[in-house]
Amino acid sequence: MLSWKIGDVTITRVVELTTGSLGPYILPQATPELMLERPWLKPFLTEDGKPLLSMHSLVLSSQGESILVDTCIGNDKSRNYPRWDKMQSHYLEDLSLAGFSTDSIDVVMCTHMHVDHVGWNTKLEQGKWVPTFPNASYLFSEIEWDYWQSEEQEFGPVIEDSIQPIFDYGMANLVKQNHIVTDEVWLEATPGHTPGHVSVHISSKGEEAIITGDMIHHPCQMSYPEWSTEVDWDQVMSASTRSDFLKKYADSPVLVIGTHFAGPTAGYIVRDGRSFRLDY
């Protein structure tokens, strides 16, 4: 189980599943031929050169708070994608093995409201969706929430089973895109993948890290910042946001933690000719 230390903040990765089947769908530009040309990408690829994606949460321990960033896919949910339909994973057991009970989570923060980032917000109990983390404050970007009021999700009733129950239980908090969670953790607007998408910035004792969310799905987008995914809301905006981010943090000591990066999951952006790569 991977973890990182940023000053006084500990960041722990909890994986729900890793898959190579979504890569060609999300990033059809990322052909095996192109991927295998870059040896540094090997930990983030299947053996035959397809993009490998990890579905995981990141738990931040900051100033006495346990902050869970993104809640993956979830169990028992009706989804149009067969692998995720009524899924049964060991996510909660693995979360517990990492040292976090469902009662111990103080804040749940979703970078956006797509199916693979909100699933464990709720769990099924006696035929009803209830909050998985009963003591948590759930934070959602108000821009993101407003957008999904009039849009349907591609993979099933995601808002209905994973977001709306949190509001029904009075545990949802709509926040601005620069919301401060603790003195060491705050949100930053990174729109394009969805309108209200945010990344999470961590800073403590002179050290920094950023959790990308889906601003960058796969490290290959560092070599090709112009590659937007098929599921981006605004592909031009997402490419612009990503390019600006890479230029800003290239050759700096800021640790970049990918929300879907498999393998080492984190590293530092470095310039690589006219583009960028991840140094891990």
C-alpha atoms as a PDB file:
ATOM      1  CA  MET A   1       0.000   0.000   0.000  1.00  0.00           C
ATOM      2  CA  LEU A   2       1.702   3.182  -1.191  1.00  0.00           C
ATOM      3  CA  SER A   3       1.991   6.273   0.991  1.00  0.00           C
ATOM      4  CA  TRP A   4       3.822   9.585   0.854  1.00  0.00           C
ATOM      5  CA  LYS A   5       4.816  12.181   3.435  1.00  0.00           C
ATOM      6  CA  ILE A   6       4.488  15.887   2.596  1.00  0.00           C
ATOM      7  CA  GLY A   7       5.726  17.755   5.644  1.00  0.00           C
ATOM      8  CA  ASP A   8       3.285  16.765   8.387  1.00  0.00           C
ATOM      9  CA  VAL A   9       0.698  15.394   5.933  1.00  0.00           C
ATOM     10  CA  THR A  10       0.535  11.675   5.199  1.00  0.00           C
ATOM     11  CA  ILE A  11      -1.105  10.547   1.937  1.00  0.00           C
ATOM     12  CA  THR A  12      -2.203   6.914   1.632  1.00  0.00           C
ATOM     13  CA  ARG A  13      -3.384   5.185  -1.536  1.00  0.00           C
ATOM     14  CA  VAL A  14      -6.235   2.638  -1.318  1.00  0.00           C
ATOM     15  CA  VAL A  15      -6.815   0.768  -4.595  1.00  0.00           C
ATOM     16  CA  GLU A  16     -10.197  -0.594  -5.625  1.00  0.00           C
ATOM     17  CA  LEU A  17      -9.101  -2.097  -8.960  1.00  0.00           C
ATOM     18  CA  THR A  18      -6.600  -1.738 -11.801  1.00  0.00           C
ATOM     19  CA  THR A  19      -7.637  -2.205 -15.412  1.00  0.00           C
ATOM     20  CA  GLY A  20      -6.232  -2.033 -18.928  1.00  0.00           C
ATOM     21  CA  SER A  21      -9.577  -2.355 -20.641  1.00  0.00           C
ATOM     22  CA  LEU A  22     -10.604   1.296 -20.348  1.00  0.00           C
ATOM     23  CA  GLY A  23      -7.434   2.796 -21.784  1.00  0.00           C
ATOM     24  CA  PRO A  24      -8.273   2.355 -25.489  1.00  0.00           C
ATOM     25  CA  TYR A  25     -11.770   3.746 -24.860  1.00  0.00           C
ATOM     26  CA  ILE A  26     -10.690   6.806 -22.890  1.00  0.00           C
ATOM     27  CA  LEU A  27      -7.498   7.562 -24.838  1.00  0.00           C
ATOM     28  CA  PRO A  28      -7.732   5.989 -28.321  1.00  0.00           C
ATOM     29  CA  GLN A  29      -4.768   8.150 -29.405  1.00  0.00           C
ATOM     30  CA  ALA A  30      -2.517   6.179 -27.037  1.00  0.00           C
ATOM     31  CA  THR A  31      -1.658   3.290 -29.359  1.00  0.00           C
ATOM     32  CA  PRO A  32       0.722   0.585 -28.111  1.00  0.00           C
ATOM     33  CA  GLU A  33       3.217   1.636 -30.773  1.00  0.00           C
ATOM     34  CA  LEU A  34       3.436   5.175 -29.424  1.00  0.00           C
ATOM     35  CA  MET A  35       3.373   4.090 -25.783  1.00  0.00           C
ATOM     36  CA  LEU A  36       6.202   1.587 -26.154  1.00  0.00           C
ATOM     37  CA  GLU A  37       8.409   4.253 -27.724  1.00  0.00           C
ATOM     38  CA  ARG A  38       8.710   5.838 -24.279  1.00  0.00           C
ATOM     39  CA  PRO A  39      10.383   3.460 -21.797  1.00  0.00           C
ATOM     40  CA  TRP A  40       9.472   5.697 -18.846  1.00  0.00           C
ATOM     41  CA  LEU A  41       5.805   4.813 -19.404  1.00  0.00           C
ATOM     42  CA  LYS A  42       6.316   1.075 -18.809  1.00  0.00           C
ATOM     43  CA  PRO A  43       4.961   0.977 -15.210  1.00  0.00           C
ATOM     44  CA  PHE A  44       1.765   2.645 -16.438  1.00  0.00           C
ATOM     45  CA  LEU A  45       1.049   0.188 -19.276  1.00  0.00           C
ATOM     46  CA  THR A  46      -0.151  -3.358 -19.753  1.00  0.00           C
ATOM     47  CA  GLU A  47       2.394  -5.819 -21.128  1.00  0.00           C
ATOM     48  CA  ASP A  48       1.092  -5.197 -24.645  1.00  0.00           C
ATOM     49  CA  GLY A  49       1.416  -1.422 -24.331  1.00  0.00           C
ATOM     50  CA  LYS A  50      -2.132  -0.331 -23.498  1.00  0.00           C
ATOM     51  CA  PRO A  51      -2.741   2.426 -20.918  1.00  0.00           C
ATOM     52  CA  LEU A  52      -3.209   0.945 -17.462  1.00  0.00           C
ATOM     53  CA  LEU A  53      -5.604   2.769 -15.132  1.00  0.00           C
ATOM     54  CA  SER A  54      -5.897   2.471 -11.365  1.00  0.00           C
ATOM     55  CA  MET A  55      -9.129   3.227  -9.535  1.00  0.00           C
ATOM     56  CA  HIS A  56      -8.065   4.367  -6.095  1.00  0.00           C
ATOM     57  CA  SER A  57      -8.759   6.747  -3.260  1.00  0.00           C
ATOM     58  CA  LEU A  58      -6.196   8.881  -1.479  1.00  0.00           C
ATOM     59  CA  VAL A  59      -6.535   9.480   2.257  1.00  0.00           C
ATOM     60  CA  LEU A  60      -4.878  12.599   3.643  1.00  0.00           C
ATOM     61  CA  SER A  61      -4.017  12.831   7.332  1.00  0.00           C
ATOM     62  CA  SER A  62      -3.785  16.554   8.066  1.00  0.00           C
ATOM     63  CA  GLN A  63      -4.038  18.448  11.347  1.00  0.00           C
ATOM     64  CA  GLY A  64      -6.017  15.676  13.020  1.00  0.00           C
ATOM     65  CA  GLU A  65      -8.408  15.256  10.082  1.00  0.00           C
ATOM     66  CA  SER A  66      -8.745  12.177   7.856  1.00  0.00           C
ATOM     67  CA  ILE A  67      -9.687  13.430   4.387  1.00  0.00           C
ATOM     68  CA  LEU A  68     -10.756  10.893   1.756  1.00  0.00           C
ATOM     69  CA  VAL A  69     -10.241  12.124  -1.814  1.00  0.00           C
ATOM     70  CA  ASP A  70     -12.480  10.352  -4.373  1.00  0.00           C
ATOM     71  CA  THR A  71     -14.414   7.202  -3.550  1.00  0.00           C
ATOM     72  CA  CYS A  72     -14.009   5.019  -6.641  1.00  0.00           C
ATOM     73  CA  ILE A  73     -16.835   2.865  -8.085  1.00  0.00           C
ATOM     74  CA  GLY A  74     -18.559   1.162  -5.168  1.00  0.00           C
ATOM     75  CA  ASN A  75     -20.340  -2.128  -4.614  1.00  0.00           C
ATOM     76  CA  ASP A  76     -23.859  -3.205  -5.607  1.00  0.00           C
ATOM     77  CA  LYS A  77     -24.450  -0.342  -8.054  1.00  0.00           C
ATOM     78  CA  SER A  78     -26.306  -0.740 -11.346  1.00  0.00           C
ATOM     79  CA  ARG A  79     -23.858   0.301 -14.046  1.00  0.00           C
ATOM     80  CA  ASN A  80     -23.887  -0.008 -17.840  1.00  0.00           C
ATOM     81  CA  TYR A  81     -20.262  -1.094 -17.929  1.00  0.00           C
ATOM     82  CA  PRO A  82     -20.296  -4.865 -17.143  1.00  0.00           C
ATOM     83  CA  ARG A  83     -17.123  -4.928 -15.037  1.00  0.00           C
ATOM     84  CA  TRP A  84     -18.592  -2.288 -12.698  1.00  0.00           C
ATOM     85  CA  ASP A  85     -22.164  -3.556 -12.594  1.00  0.00           C
ATOM     86  CA  LYS A  86     -23.111  -4.779  -9.092  1.00  0.00           C
ATOM     87  CA  MET A  87     -19.413  -4.948  -8.352  1.00  0.00           C
ATOM     88  CA  GLN A  88     -18.106  -6.678  -5.246  1.00  0.00           C
ATOM     89  CA  SER A  89     -14.675  -5.424  -4.202  1.00  0.00           C
ATOM     90  CA  HIS A  90     -12.695  -5.471  -0.950  1.00  0.00           C
ATOM     91  CA  TYR A  91     -12.357  -1.697  -0.865  1.00  0.00           C
ATOM     92  CA  LEU A  92     -13.656  -1.160   2.678  1.00  0.00           C
ATOM     93  CA  GLU A  93     -11.524  -3.991   4.013  1.00  0.00           C
ATOM     94  CA  ASP A  94      -8.456  -2.522   2.325  1.00  0.00           C
ATOM     95  CA  LEU A  95      -9.310   0.921   3.689  1.00  0.00           C
ATOM     96  CA  SER A  96      -9.419  -0.630   7.157  1.00  0.00           C
ATOM     97  CA  LEU A  97      -6.081  -2.378   6.580  1.00  0.00           C
ATOM     98  CA  ALA A  98      -4.634   1.039   5.741  1.00  0.00           C
ATOM     99  CA  GLY A  99      -5.724   2.208   9.195  1.00  0.00           C
ATOM    100  CA  PHE A 100      -9.009   3.954   8.396  1.00  0.00           C
ATOM    101  CA  SER A 101     -12.422   2.745   9.534  1.00  0.00           C
ATOM    102  CA  THR A 102     -15.529   4.201   7.923  1.00  0.00           C
ATOM    103  CA  ASP A 103     -16.250   5.991  11.217  1.00  0.00           C
ATOM    104  CA  SER A 104     -12.806   7.623  11.249  1.00  0.00           C
ATOM    105  CA  ILE A 105     -13.164   9.597   8.004  1.00  0.00           C
ATOM    106  CA  ASP A 106     -13.824  13.280   8.775  1.00  0.00           C
ATOM    107  CA  VAL A 107     -14.072  14.690   5.244  1.00  0.00           C
ATOM    108  CA  VAL A 108     -14.937  13.159   1.875  1.00  0.00           C
ATOM    109  CA  MET A 109     -13.863  15.266  -1.090  1.00  0.00           C
ATOM    110  CA  CYS A 110     -14.815  14.325  -4.665  1.00  0.00           C
ATOM    111  CA  THR A 111     -12.746  16.008  -7.392  1.00  0.00           C
ATOM    112  CA  HIS A 112     -15.801  15.679  -9.647  1.00  0.00           C
ATOM    113  CA  MET A 113     -18.991  13.625  -9.896  1.00  0.00           C
ATOM    114  CA  HIS A 114     -18.149  10.917 -12.424  1.00  0.00           C
ATOM    115  CA  VAL A 115     -19.042   7.308 -11.713  1.00  0.00           C
ATOM    116  CA  ASP A 116     -15.544   6.198 -10.652  1.00  0.00           C
ATOM    117  CA  HIS A 117     -15.029   9.035  -8.169  1.00  0.00           C
ATOM    118  CA  VAL A 118     -18.203   8.937  -6.068  1.00  0.00           C
ATOM    119  CA  GLY A 119     -19.230   5.277  -5.756  1.00  0.00           C
ATOM    120  CA  TRP A 120     -18.289   4.606  -2.158  1.00  0.00           C
ATOM    121  CA  ASN A 121     -19.994   7.778  -0.992  1.00  0.00           C
ATOM    122  CA  THR A 122     -22.846   5.417  -0.244  1.00  0.00           C
ATOM    123  CA  LYS A 123     -23.410   1.736   0.477  1.00  0.00           C
ATOM    124  CA  LEU A 124     -26.478  -0.470   0.273  1.00  0.00           C
ATOM    125  CA  GLU A 125     -28.179  -1.286   3.575  1.00  0.00           C
ATOM    126  CA  GLN A 126     -31.544  -3.062   3.648  1.00  0.00           C
ATOM    127  CA  GLY A 127     -32.323  -1.918   0.116  1.00  0.00           C
ATOM    128  CA  LYS A 128     -31.431   1.734   0.793  1.00  0.00           C
ATOM    129  CA  TRP A 129     -28.410   3.837  -0.127  1.00  0.00           C
ATOM    130  CA  VAL A 130     -26.869   5.289   3.028  1.00  0.00           C
ATOM    131  CA  PRO A 131     -23.676   7.316   3.584  1.00  0.00           C
ATOM    132  CA  THR A 132     -20.669   5.010   3.897  1.00  0.00           C
ATOM    133  CA  PHE A 133     -18.821   7.445   6.153  1.00  0.00           C
ATOM    134  CA  PRO A 134     -21.347   8.427   8.833  1.00  0.00           C
ATOM    135  CA  ASN A 135     -19.200  11.034  10.583  1.00  0.00           C
ATOM    136  CA  ALA A 136     -17.894  12.774   7.481  1.00  0.00           C
ATOM    137  CA  SER A 137     -18.637  16.095   5.902  1.00  0.00           C
ATOM    138  CA  TYR A 138     -18.965  15.495   2.142  1.00  0.00           C
ATOM    139  CA  LEU A 139     -17.585  18.350   0.013  1.00  0.00           C
ATOM    140  CA  PHE A 140     -18.717  18.949  -3.577  1.00  0.00           C
ATOM    141  CA  SER A 141     -17.938  21.798  -5.945  1.00  0.00           C
ATOM    142  CA  GLU A 142     -21.100  23.854  -6.320  1.00  0.00           C
ATOM    143  CA  ILE A 143     -20.355  24.351 -10.036  1.00  0.00           C
ATOM    144  CA  GLU A 144     -20.132  20.587 -10.456  1.00  0.00           C
ATOM    145  CA  TRP A 145     -23.401  19.974  -8.602  1.00  0.00           C
ATOM    146  CA  ASP A 146     -25.237  22.625 -10.611  1.00  0.00           C
ATOM    147  CA  TYR A 147     -24.071  21.058 -13.874  1.00  0.00           C
ATOM    148  CA  TRP A 148     -25.304  17.563 -13.029  1.00  0.00           C
ATOM    149  CA  GLN A 149     -28.779  18.791 -12.165  1.00  0.00           C
ATOM    150  CA  SER A 150     -29.632  18.785 -15.867  1.00  0.00           C
ATOM    151  CA  GLU A 151     -27.232  16.160 -17.247  1.00  0.00           C
ATOM    152  CA  GLU A 152     -27.424  12.361 -17.226  1.00  0.00           C
ATOM    153  CA  GLN A 153     -24.466  10.152 -16.416  1.00  0.00           C
ATOM    154  CA  GLU A 154     -23.297   7.724 -19.079  1.00  0.00           C
ATOM    155  CA  PHE A 155     -22.814   4.692 -16.851  1.00  0.00           C
ATOM    156  CA  GLY A 156     -26.068   4.646 -14.882  1.00  0.00           C
ATOM    157  CA  PRO A 157     -27.942   6.421 -12.061  1.00  0.00           C
ATOM    158  CA  VAL A 158     -24.766   7.774 -10.464  1.00  0.00           C
ATOM    159  CA  ILE A 159     -26.214  10.958  -9.017  1.00  0.00           C
ATOM    160  CA  GLU A 160     -29.278   9.114  -7.739  1.00  0.00           C
ATOM    161  CA  ASP A 161     -27.417   6.384  -5.837  1.00  0.00           C
ATOM    162  CA  SER A 162     -24.121   8.063  -4.909  1.00  0.00           C
ATOM    163  CA  ILE A 163     -24.729  11.819  -4.555  1.00  0.00           C
ATOM    164  CA  GLN A 164     -28.392  12.571  -3.840  1.00  0.00           C
ATOM    165  CA  PRO A 165     -28.517  10.364  -0.709  1.00  0.00           C
ATOM    166  CA  ILE A 166     -25.733  12.466   0.812  1.00  0.00           C
ATOM    167  CA  PHE A 167     -27.901  15.558   0.368  1.00  0.00           C
ATOM    168  CA  ASP A 168     -30.943  13.683   1.687  1.00  0.00           C
ATOM    169  CA  TYR A 169     -29.051  12.857   4.887  1.00  0.00           C
ATOM    170  CA  GLY A 170     -27.961  16.490   5.282  1.00  0.00           C
ATOM    171  CA  MET A 171     -24.263  15.632   4.987  1.00  0.00           C
ATOM    172  CA  ALA A 172     -23.410  17.457   1.731  1.00  0.00           C
ATOM    173  CA  ASN A 173     -21.589  20.776   1.623  1.00  0.00           C
ATOM    174  CA  LEU A 174     -21.307  22.760  -1.601  1.00  0.00           C
ATOM    175  CA  VAL A 175     -18.015  24.636  -1.741  1.00  0.00           C
ATOM    176  CA  LYS A 176     -16.118  27.042  -3.958  1.00  0.00           C
ATOM    177  CA  GLN A 177     -13.351  25.729  -6.194  1.00  0.00           C
ATOM    178  CA  ASN A 178     -10.688  27.313  -3.964  1.00  0.00           C
ATOM    179  CA  HIS A 179     -12.105  25.887  -0.738  1.00  0.00           C
ATOM    180  CA  ILE A 180      -9.646  25.487   2.146  1.00  0.00           C
ATOM    181  CA  VAL A 181     -10.059  22.104   3.862  1.00  0.00           C
ATOM    182  CA  THR A 182      -7.262  22.554   6.418  1.00  0.00           C
ATOM    183  CA  ASP A 183      -4.319  24.960   6.595  1.00  0.00           C
ATOM    184  CA  GLU A 184      -2.381  22.290   4.681  1.00  0.00           C
ATOM    185  CA  VAL A 185      -5.004  21.182   2.138  1.00  0.00           C
ATOM    186  CA  TRP A 186      -7.062  23.202  -0.329  1.00  0.00           C
ATOM    187  CA  LEU A 187      -8.816  22.877  -3.685  1.00  0.00           C
ATOM    188  CA  GLU A 188      -7.789  24.347  -7.020  1.00  0.00           C
ATOM    189  CA  ALA A 189     -10.019  24.727 -10.075  1.00  0.00           C
ATOM    190  CA  THR A 190      -8.892  22.542 -12.982  1.00  0.00           C
ATOM    191  CA  PRO A 191     -11.915  22.606 -15.327  1.00  0.00           C
ATOM    192  CA  GLY A 192     -12.327  20.849 -18.647  1.00  0.00           C
ATOM    193  CA  HIS A 193     -12.880  17.216 -17.782  1.00  0.00           C
ATOM    194  CA  THR A 194     -16.059  18.467 -16.113  1.00  0.00           C
ATOM    195  CA  PRO A 195     -17.150  22.083 -15.493  1.00  0.00           C
ATOM    196  CA  GLY A 196     -16.485  22.044 -11.750  1.00  0.00           C
ATOM    197  CA  HIS A 197     -13.487  19.734 -11.650  1.00  0.00           C
ATOM    198  CA  VAL A 198     -10.949  20.442  -8.907  1.00  0.00           C
ATOM    199  CA  SER A 199      -7.522  19.175  -7.970  1.00  0.00           C
ATOM    200  CA  VAL A 200      -6.237  18.984  -4.399  1.00  0.00           C
ATOM    201  CA  HIS A 201      -3.155  20.933  -3.295  1.00  0.00           C
ATOM    202  CA  ILE A 202      -1.179  19.870  -0.225  1.00  0.00           C
ATOM    203  CA  SER A 203       1.488  22.077   1.377  1.00  0.00           C
ATOM    204  CA  SER A 204       3.258  21.496   4.683  1.00  0.00           C
ATOM    205  CA  LYS A 205       6.644  22.551   6.058  1.00  0.00           C
ATOM    206  CA  GLY A 206       7.863  23.754   2.666  1.00  0.00           C
ATOM    207  CA  GLU A 207       6.882  20.573   0.801  1.00  0.00           C
ATOM    208  CA  GLU A 208       4.078  20.363  -1.761  1.00  0.00           C
ATOM    209  CA  ALA A 209       1.972  17.828  -3.632  1.00  0.00           C
ATOM    210  CA  ILE A 210      -1.011  17.971  -5.965  1.00  0.00           C
ATOM    211  CA  ILE A 211      -3.633  15.277  -6.533  1.00  0.00           C
ATOM    212  CA  THR A 212      -4.641  15.627 -10.173  1.00  0.00           C
ATOM    213  CA  GLY A 213      -8.133  14.178 -10.293  1.00  0.00           C
ATOM    214  CA  ASP A 214      -8.944  13.583 -13.958  1.00  0.00           C
ATOM    215  CA  MET A 215      -7.145  16.675 -15.229  1.00  0.00           C
ATOM    216  CA  ILE A 216      -4.572  14.042 -16.244  1.00  0.00           C
ATOM    217  CA  HIS A 217      -5.951  10.545 -16.662  1.00  0.00           C
ATOM    218  CA  HIS A 218      -2.695   8.884 -17.651  1.00  0.00           C
ATOM    219  CA  PRO A 219       0.972   9.933 -17.597  1.00  0.00           C
ATOM    220  CA  CYS A 220       1.146   9.651 -21.398  1.00  0.00           C
ATOM    221  CA  GLN A 221      -0.773  12.934 -21.466  1.00  0.00           C
ATOM    222  CA  MET A 222       2.372  14.583 -20.167  1.00  0.00           C
ATOM    223  CA  SER A 223       4.102  13.632 -23.409  1.00  0.00           C
ATOM    224  CA  TYR A 224       0.975  14.604 -25.326  1.00  0.00           C
ATOM    225  CA  PRO A 225      -0.836  17.378 -23.368  1.00  0.00           C
ATOM    226  CA  GLU A 226      -3.078  17.971 -26.377  1.00  0.00           C
ATOM    227  CA  TRP A 227      -4.623  14.517 -25.981  1.00  0.00           C
ATOM    228  CA  SER A 228      -7.988  15.001 -24.327  1.00  0.00           C
ATOM    229  CA  THR A 229     -10.018  11.971 -23.379  1.00  0.00           C
ATOM    230  CA  GLU A 230     -13.252  10.844 -24.984  1.00  0.00           C
ATOM    231  CA  VAL A 231     -15.072  11.562 -21.724  1.00  0.00           C
ATOM    232  CA  ASP A 232     -13.930  15.163 -21.288  1.00  0.00           C
ATOM    233  CA  TRP A 233     -16.763  17.696 -21.133  1.00  0.00           C
ATOM    234  CA  ASP A 234     -14.715  20.323 -23.021  1.00  0.00           C
ATOM    235  CA  GLN A 235     -11.695  18.808 -24.766  1.00  0.00           C
ATOM    236  CA  VAL A 236     -10.167  22.160 -25.707  1.00  0.00           C
ATOM    237  CA  MET A 237     -10.437  23.439 -22.152  1.00  0.00           C
ATOM    238  CA  SER A 238      -9.094  20.238 -20.623  1.00  0.00           C
ATOM    239  CA  ALA A 239      -6.045  20.345 -22.915  1.00  0.00           C
ATOM    240  CA  SER A 240      -5.430  23.983 -22.034  1.00  0.00           C
ATOM    241  CA  THR A 241      -5.781  23.334 -18.294  1.00  0.00           C
ATOM    242  CA  ARG A 242      -3.412  20.369 -18.515  1.00  0.00           C
ATOM    243  CA  SER A 243      -0.828  22.252 -20.590  1.00  0.00           C
ATOM    244  CA  ASP A 244      -0.839  25.197 -18.169  1.00  0.00           C
ATOM    245  CA  PHE A 245      -0.460  22.836 -15.223  1.00  0.00           C
ATOM    246  CA  LEU A 246       2.496  20.996 -16.782  1.00  0.00           C
ATOM    247  CA  LYS A 247       4.303  24.231 -17.633  1.00  0.00           C
ATOM    248  CA  LYS A 248       3.711  25.620 -14.151  1.00  0.00           C
ATOM    249  CA  TYR A 249       5.048  22.626 -12.230  1.00  0.00           C
ATOM    250  CA  ALA A 250       7.718  21.263 -14.588  1.00  0.00           C
ATOM    251  CA  ASP A 251      11.165  20.931 -13.005  1.00  0.00           C
ATOM    252  CA  SER A 252       9.806  21.871  -9.597  1.00  0.00           C
ATOM    253  CA  PRO A 253       9.838  19.883  -6.305  1.00  0.00           C
ATOM    254  CA  VAL A 254       6.037  19.513  -6.312  1.00  0.00           C
ATOM    255  CA  LEU A 255       4.979  15.853  -6.116  1.00  0.00           C
ATOM    256  CA  VAL A 256       2.199  15.035  -8.588  1.00  0.00           C
ATOM    257  CA  ILE A 257      -0.108  12.198  -7.514  1.00  0.00           C
ATOM    258  CA  GLY A 258      -2.302  10.836 -10.266  1.00  0.00           C
ATOM    259  CA  THR A 259      -5.818   9.798  -9.366  1.00  0.00           C
ATOM    260  CA  HIS A 260      -5.691   7.079 -12.040  1.00  0.00           C
ATOM    261  CA  PHE A 261      -1.933   6.536 -12.310  1.00  0.00           C
ATOM    262  CA  ALA A 262      -1.059   2.873 -11.780  1.00  0.00           C
ATOM    263  CA  GLY A 263       2.392   1.633 -10.777  1.00  0.00           C
ATOM    264  CA  PRO A 264       4.288   4.225  -8.718  1.00  0.00           C
ATOM    265  CA  THR A 265       1.279   6.613  -8.970  1.00  0.00           C
ATOM    266  CA  ALA A 266       3.334   9.721  -8.134  1.00  0.00           C
ATOM    267  CA  GLY A 267       6.368  11.608  -9.375  1.00  0.00           C
ATOM    268  CA  TYR A 268       7.762  14.912 -10.521  1.00  0.00           C
ATOM    269  CA  ILE A 269       7.089  16.611 -13.837  1.00  0.00           C
ATOM    270  CA  VAL A 270      10.243  17.218 -15.846  1.00  0.00           C
ATOM    271  CA  ARG A 271      10.742  18.738 -19.264  1.00  0.00           C
ATOM    272  CA  ASP A 272      11.452  16.188 -21.980  1.00  0.00           C
ATOM    273  CA  GLY A 273      12.366  17.960 -25.198  1.00  0.00           C
ATOM    274  CA  ARG A 274       9.330  19.980 -26.229  1.00  0.00           C
ATOM    275  CA  SER A 275       7.076  18.044 -23.896  1.00  0.00           C
ATOM    276  CA  PHE A 276       7.129  16.491 -20.413  1.00  0.00           C
ATOM    277  CA  ARG A 277       7.463  13.193 -18.561  1.00  0.00           C
ATOM    278  CA  LEU A 278       7.010  11.905 -15.022  1.00  0.00           C
ATOM    279  CA  ASP A 279      10.141  11.271 -12.988  1.00  0.00           C
ATOM    280  CA  TYR A 280       9.325   8.671 -10.308  1.00  0.00           C
END
